[in-house]
Amino acid sequence: MHPLYPLTFRHIYKDYLWGGNRIAEQYHRSTTPIPCAESWELSGMPGCASTVAHGAFEGVGLDELVSAFGRDLLGEKALSAEEFPLLVKVLDAHQRLSVQVHPDKVAAAKLGGRPKHEMWYILDADEEAGIWAGMDTEATLEDLPEKLIFHKTHAGEIYDLPAGLVHAVGAGNFIYEVQQTSDTTYRIDDWGRGRELHIEQARQALKPELRPIRRVLEERHRHLHLAKGMQGFDFATLDLVRPRTLRTTAQSFMILFCANGKTTLEHMGPYPLTLLPGDLVLVPPKLGVALTPLAPSKLLVTTL
């Protein structure tokens, strides 16, 4: 069996009606659908697993790699050795998304779905862009969407969105999302577009008291732990202006996403890479990678 190495993956596109063409334009991709709402950059979702894009494992599914390597790919912190625990996406909200809620572990077990805690890093936002997250005190599910709380968004902000929080993404947001491996969404309102609603499921999943946690990572505080109490994950930003070496331990893999700039990635094995905006690489546990910026770069870093 070939040893593991830093892995890149083919993109999985979703043509939901609220998408636009920003993913194609921003990242110079020619195979996106029209519209393109989401690009699943890294997925272990059953039936929708990412496939490796280069090297000895080219064409192999992430689910197959997990079956073959287990914790040698996932690390010791993964709650399960049989499934990749995170789903990573880029979202282009050309129109606003539905008002929705995702279940926590308890509600998911009751309703037959998967728990979903998510985090949004705002890659870019139009001047009037924002999100709705949380509901007014004393409001009920029947009062939505009128009683949702609006938050203006800006590039570089991070929104921590726990399961049970009612929310909707407004038009004009370009978002990097890290979430638990789940595609369970209960739609409360669709702004009159006529798609199916899931009112009773949403009622059981909704936690009206919840609010999003908004953060901006500064130089002295560049590391967050999210989704406490479930399959948690750590998120950080890394501004590269000089060469840097990063190392993973036996505890976790590392996901690197190039938000901007241009950086080479080398390691002790084969298949060196050059990361451009929109490129993602999965670094398995117990590997070191040497990063050399060819232009000032910002990397988004996720570990368990």
Protein backbone atom coordinates (compact mmCIF):
# COMPACT_ATOMS: atom_id res chain seq x y z
CA MET A 1 0.00 0.00 0.00
CA HIS A 2 1.35 3.42 -0.96
CA PRO A 3 2.03 5.70 2.03
CA LEU A 4 -0.21 8.70 2.61
CA TYR A 5 0.83 12.13 1.31
CA PRO A 6 -0.81 15.60 1.22
CA LEU A 7 -4.00 15.06 -0.82
CA THR A 8 -5.98 17.31 -3.15
CA PHE A 9 -9.51 16.48 -4.32
CA ARG A 10 -11.88 16.99 -7.22
CA HIS A 11 -14.63 19.49 -6.57
CA ILE A 12 -18.27 18.47 -6.13
CA TYR A 13 -20.63 21.18 -7.34
CA LYS A 14 -24.23 21.89 -6.30
CA ASP A 15 -26.51 23.93 -8.58
CA TYR A 16 -29.04 25.13 -6.00
CA LEU A 17 -31.22 27.97 -7.25
CA TRP A 18 -29.66 30.61 -4.97
CA GLY A 19 -26.15 30.29 -6.46
CA GLY A 20 -24.29 32.48 -8.95
CA ASN A 21 -21.05 32.26 -10.95
CA ARG A 22 -18.55 33.61 -8.44
CA ILE A 23 -16.87 30.28 -7.73
CA ALA A 24 -16.03 29.90 -11.42
CA GLU A 25 -14.85 33.49 -11.76
CA GLN A 26 -12.93 33.75 -8.48
CA TYR A 27 -11.10 30.44 -8.81
CA HIS A 28 -10.87 30.19 -12.61
CA ARG A 29 -12.85 26.96 -12.80
CA SER A 30 -14.39 25.97 -16.12
CA THR A 31 -16.55 22.98 -15.13
CA THR A 32 -18.97 24.59 -12.67
CA PRO A 33 -22.72 24.38 -13.37
CA ILE A 34 -24.83 27.51 -13.88
CA PRO A 35 -25.78 28.55 -11.27
CA CYS A 36 -23.17 27.15 -8.91
CA ALA A 37 -24.24 27.56 -5.29
CA GLU A 38 -21.75 25.32 -3.49
CA SER A 39 -18.42 23.68 -4.14
CA TRP A 40 -17.85 20.75 -1.80
CA GLU A 41 -14.10 20.96 -1.38
CA LEU A 42 -13.77 17.97 0.95
CA SER A 43 -16.56 15.51 1.66
CA GLY A 44 -16.92 12.10 3.23
CA MET A 45 -20.71 12.18 2.98
CA PRO A 46 -22.13 8.75 2.13
CA GLY A 47 -22.89 8.68 -1.59
CA CYS A 48 -21.09 12.00 -2.16
CA ALA A 49 -17.47 11.41 -1.16
CA SER A 50 -14.62 13.42 -2.63
CA THR A 51 -12.13 11.69 -4.92
CA VAL A 52 -8.38 12.32 -4.91
CA ALA A 53 -7.16 14.55 -7.74
CA HIS A 54 -3.46 13.68 -7.97
CA GLY A 55 -0.74 11.21 -7.11
CA ALA A 56 -0.81 7.49 -6.37
CA PHE A 57 -4.40 7.65 -5.05
CA GLU A 58 -5.83 9.67 -7.94
CA GLY A 59 -9.48 8.66 -8.48
CA VAL A 60 -9.79 6.97 -5.07
CA GLY A 61 -12.67 8.10 -2.88
CA LEU A 62 -12.13 9.65 0.52
CA ASP A 63 -14.44 7.00 1.98
CA GLU A 64 -12.20 4.28 0.51
CA LEU A 65 -9.11 5.91 2.01
CA VAL A 66 -10.79 6.06 5.43
CA SER A 67 -11.65 2.35 5.16
CA ALA A 68 -8.06 1.52 4.23
CA PHE A 69 -6.16 3.80 6.62
CA GLY A 70 -8.56 4.53 9.50
CA ARG A 71 -6.89 6.62 12.18
CA ASP A 72 -3.69 6.88 10.16
CA LEU A 73 -5.72 9.31 8.03
CA LEU A 74 -8.18 10.65 10.61
CA GLY A 75 -6.07 10.87 13.75
CA GLU A 76 -6.83 9.93 17.33
CA LYS A 77 -9.27 12.80 17.98
CA ALA A 78 -11.82 11.61 15.44
CA LEU A 79 -14.86 10.21 17.25
CA SER A 80 -15.17 7.46 14.64
CA ALA A 81 -12.45 5.63 12.73
CA GLU A 82 -14.93 4.75 9.98
CA GLU A 83 -16.04 8.13 8.58
CA PHE A 84 -14.40 11.44 7.72
CA PRO A 85 -15.81 13.81 10.35
CA LEU A 86 -15.94 17.15 8.50
CA LEU A 87 -17.49 18.61 5.35
CA VAL A 88 -15.82 21.66 3.79
CA LYS A 89 -17.60 23.91 1.29
CA VAL A 90 -17.40 27.22 -0.54
CA LEU A 91 -20.79 28.99 -0.82
CA ASP A 92 -21.77 31.65 -3.35
CA ALA A 93 -24.97 33.28 -2.12
CA HIS A 94 -26.14 35.16 -5.22
CA GLN A 95 -29.63 35.09 -3.69
CA ARG A 96 -30.56 34.64 -0.04
CA LEU A 97 -30.79 31.09 1.29
CA SER A 98 -33.82 29.64 3.03
CA VAL A 99 -34.52 30.22 6.72
CA GLN A 100 -33.36 26.95 8.25
CA VAL A 101 -32.13 25.06 11.27
CA HIS A 102 -29.92 21.99 11.77
CA PRO A 103 -30.34 19.43 14.58
CA ASP A 104 -27.99 18.74 17.44
CA LYS A 105 -27.09 15.18 18.44
CA VAL A 106 -30.25 14.62 20.49
CA ALA A 107 -32.66 16.04 17.90
CA ALA A 108 -30.90 14.23 15.06
CA ALA A 109 -31.28 10.88 16.81
CA LYS A 110 -34.98 11.56 17.34
CA LEU A 111 -35.63 12.81 13.79
CA GLY A 112 -33.38 10.42 11.89
CA GLY A 113 -30.91 12.99 10.61
CA ARG A 114 -27.29 13.92 11.31
CA PRO A 115 -26.16 16.60 13.78
CA LYS A 116 -24.68 19.70 12.20
CA HIS A 117 -22.61 22.44 13.79
CA GLU A 118 -21.11 24.81 11.23
CA MET A 119 -18.66 27.68 10.98
CA TRP A 120 -18.55 30.38 8.31
CA TYR A 121 -15.46 32.35 7.35
CA ILE A 122 -16.53 35.32 5.22
CA LEU A 123 -14.22 35.30 2.21
CA ASP A 124 -15.93 38.36 0.74
CA ALA A 125 -19.16 40.28 1.21
CA ASP A 126 -20.94 42.88 -0.89
CA GLU A 127 -21.57 46.27 0.70
CA GLU A 128 -25.11 45.44 1.83
CA ALA A 129 -24.54 41.74 2.56
CA GLY A 130 -25.46 40.12 5.85
CA ILE A 131 -26.87 37.05 7.53
CA TRP A 132 -29.89 36.39 9.70
CA ALA A 133 -29.12 34.33 12.80
CA GLY A 134 -31.15 34.00 15.97
CA MET A 135 -34.67 35.22 16.65
CA ASP A 136 -36.16 38.03 18.71
CA THR A 137 -37.01 37.32 22.34
CA GLU A 138 -40.53 35.94 22.70
CA ALA A 139 -40.78 35.21 18.95
CA THR A 140 -42.11 31.85 17.79
CA LEU A 141 -41.40 29.74 14.75
CA GLU A 142 -44.59 31.11 13.17
CA ASP A 143 -43.18 34.66 13.44
CA LEU A 144 -40.29 33.88 11.12
CA PRO A 145 -38.71 35.28 8.99
CA GLU A 146 -39.92 38.70 10.21
CA LYS A 147 -38.45 38.19 13.69
CA LEU A 148 -34.97 37.06 12.62
CA ILE A 149 -31.94 39.06 13.82
CA PHE A 150 -29.83 40.61 11.03
CA HIS A 151 -26.02 40.79 11.18
CA LYS A 152 -23.99 42.83 8.67
CA THR A 153 -21.10 40.77 7.27
CA HIS A 154 -17.55 41.77 6.36
CA ALA A 155 -14.62 39.87 4.82
CA GLY A 156 -12.49 38.12 7.44
CA GLU A 157 -15.29 37.60 9.97
CA ILE A 158 -16.03 34.18 11.45
CA TYR A 159 -19.49 33.07 12.53
CA ASP A 160 -19.83 30.10 14.86
CA LEU A 161 -23.30 28.60 14.31
CA PRO A 162 -24.30 25.87 16.78
CA ALA A 163 -26.88 23.23 15.94
CA GLY A 164 -30.37 24.45 16.80
CA LEU A 165 -29.72 28.07 15.75
CA VAL A 166 -32.19 29.41 13.17
CA HIS A 167 -30.35 31.21 10.37
CA ALA A 168 -30.28 32.31 6.74
CA VAL A 169 -27.48 33.58 4.50
CA GLY A 170 -28.20 36.86 2.73
CA ALA A 171 -27.33 37.62 -0.89
CA GLY A 172 -23.83 38.86 -1.65
CA ASN A 173 -21.88 36.60 0.70
CA PHE A 174 -18.95 34.43 -0.42
CA ILE A 175 -18.30 31.94 2.37
CA TYR A 176 -15.87 29.20 3.37
CA GLU A 177 -17.78 26.71 5.53
CA VAL A 178 -16.52 23.97 7.83
CA GLN A 179 -19.16 21.73 9.37
CA GLN A 180 -19.73 18.30 10.76
CA THR A 181 -20.39 15.61 8.17
CA SER A 182 -24.10 16.16 7.70
CA ASP A 183 -26.55 17.31 5.05
CA THR A 184 -29.56 17.53 7.40
CA THR A 185 -31.41 20.83 6.96
CA TYR A 186 -34.92 21.69 8.11
CA ARG A 187 -36.35 24.53 6.03
CA ILE A 188 -38.66 26.94 7.88
CA ASP A 189 -39.28 29.56 5.17
CA ASP A 190 -38.06 29.89 1.57
CA TRP A 191 -38.95 33.53 0.88
CA GLY A 192 -41.85 32.50 -1.34
CA ARG A 193 -39.85 30.27 -3.71
CA GLY A 194 -42.11 27.28 -3.12
CA ARG A 195 -39.64 24.60 -2.02
CA GLU A 196 -40.66 22.02 0.57
CA LEU A 197 -40.72 23.16 4.19
CA HIS A 198 -40.01 21.01 7.28
CA ILE A 199 -41.94 22.81 9.99
CA GLU A 200 -42.47 19.99 12.48
CA GLN A 201 -38.87 18.78 12.26
CA ALA A 202 -37.66 22.37 12.64
CA ARG A 203 -39.85 22.84 15.71
CA GLN A 204 -38.11 19.91 17.41
CA ALA A 205 -34.61 21.01 16.35
CA LEU A 206 -34.97 24.73 17.06
CA LYS A 207 -33.33 26.34 20.13
CA PRO A 208 -34.80 29.86 20.18
CA GLU A 209 -32.36 31.18 22.78
CA LEU A 210 -29.25 30.58 20.64
CA ARG A 211 -27.25 33.38 19.01
CA PRO A 212 -24.26 33.16 16.65
CA ILE A 213 -20.79 33.91 17.96
CA ARG A 214 -19.03 36.46 15.72
CA ARG A 215 -15.25 36.57 15.81
CA VAL A 216 -12.38 38.25 13.99
CA LEU A 217 -9.06 36.48 14.46
CA GLU A 218 -6.31 38.93 15.31
CA GLU A 219 -2.55 38.45 15.40
CA ARG A 220 -2.55 37.64 19.10
CA HIS A 221 -5.52 35.27 18.92
CA ARG A 222 -5.60 33.13 15.80
CA HIS A 223 -7.04 29.85 17.02
CA LEU A 224 -10.63 28.82 17.77
CA HIS A 225 -12.20 25.62 19.05
CA LEU A 226 -15.70 25.02 17.70
CA ALA A 227 -18.54 22.52 18.12
CA LYS A 228 -17.73 21.73 21.74
CA GLY A 229 -19.49 18.63 23.04
CA MET A 230 -19.76 17.00 19.60
CA GLN A 231 -17.10 16.29 16.97
CA GLY A 232 -15.26 19.52 17.62
CA PHE A 233 -12.72 21.12 15.35
CA ASP A 234 -10.10 23.87 15.57
CA PHE A 235 -9.87 26.72 13.08
CA ALA A 236 -7.09 29.23 12.51
CA THR A 237 -5.87 31.69 9.91
CA LEU A 238 -2.25 31.82 8.81
CA ASP A 239 -0.75 34.83 7.02
CA LEU A 240 2.35 33.71 5.12
CA VAL A 241 5.01 36.25 4.21
CA ARG A 242 8.04 34.00 4.76
CA PRO A 243 8.67 30.21 4.64
CA ARG A 244 7.01 28.19 7.38
CA THR A 245 6.96 24.52 8.38
CA LEU A 246 3.79 22.95 9.79
CA ARG A 247 3.59 19.51 11.36
CA THR A 248 0.65 17.29 12.16
CA THR A 249 0.66 14.93 15.13
CA ALA A 250 -0.99 11.54 15.60
CA GLN A 251 -4.01 13.41 16.99
CA SER A 252 -5.38 14.90 13.77
CA PHE A 253 -5.14 15.60 10.07
CA MET A 254 -4.84 19.23 8.91
CA ILE A 255 -6.90 20.93 6.17
CA LEU A 256 -5.26 23.89 4.42
CA PHE A 257 -7.33 26.17 2.18
CA CYS A 258 -5.71 28.99 0.22
CA ALA A 259 -7.89 32.09 0.63
CA ASN A 260 -5.50 34.29 -1.33
CA GLY A 261 -1.93 34.45 -2.56
CA LYS A 262 0.32 31.72 -3.94
CA THR A 263 2.27 29.18 -1.88
CA THR A 264 4.31 26.06 -2.61
CA LEU A 265 3.90 23.02 -0.38
CA GLU A 266 6.68 20.43 -0.12
CA HIS A 267 7.21 17.43 2.13
CA MET A 268 9.44 14.37 2.45
CA GLY A 269 7.40 12.34 -0.04
CA PRO A 270 6.42 12.83 -3.69
CA TYR A 271 3.91 15.22 -5.27
CA PRO A 272 4.88 18.78 -4.27
CA LEU A 273 2.04 21.28 -4.74
CA THR A 274 1.47 24.93 -5.54
CA LEU A 275 -1.58 26.36 -3.76
CA LEU A 276 -3.57 29.09 -5.50
CA PRO A 277 -6.79 30.77 -4.27
CA GLY A 278 -9.50 28.13 -3.89
CA ASP A 279 -7.07 25.21 -3.53
CA LEU A 280 -7.45 22.79 -0.61
CA VAL A 281 -5.06 20.13 0.63
CA LEU A 282 -5.57 17.47 3.31
CA VAL A 283 -2.38 16.76 5.27
CA PRO A 284 -2.57 13.36 7.04
CA PRO A 285 -1.38 12.87 10.64
CA LYS A 286 2.33 12.68 11.44
CA LEU A 287 3.50 14.63 8.40
CA GLY A 288 5.47 17.85 8.06
CA VAL A 289 4.96 20.31 5.21
CA ALA A 290 7.20 23.20 4.15
CA LEU A 291 5.24 26.23 2.94
CA THR A 292 6.97 28.89 0.85
CA PRO A 293 4.89 31.91 -0.20
CA LEU A 294 5.51 33.07 -3.75
CA ALA A 295 3.24 36.00 -2.91
CA PRO A 296 1.81 37.07 0.46
CA SER A 297 -0.78 34.39 1.24
CA LYS A 298 -3.59 33.67 3.68
CA LEU A 299 -4.28 30.03 4.54
CA LEU A 300 -7.27 28.78 6.48
CA VAL A 301 -6.26 25.91 8.78
CA THR A 302 -8.62 23.30 10.25
CA THR A 303 -7.75 20.41 12.57
CA LEU A 304 -9.68 18.26 15.04
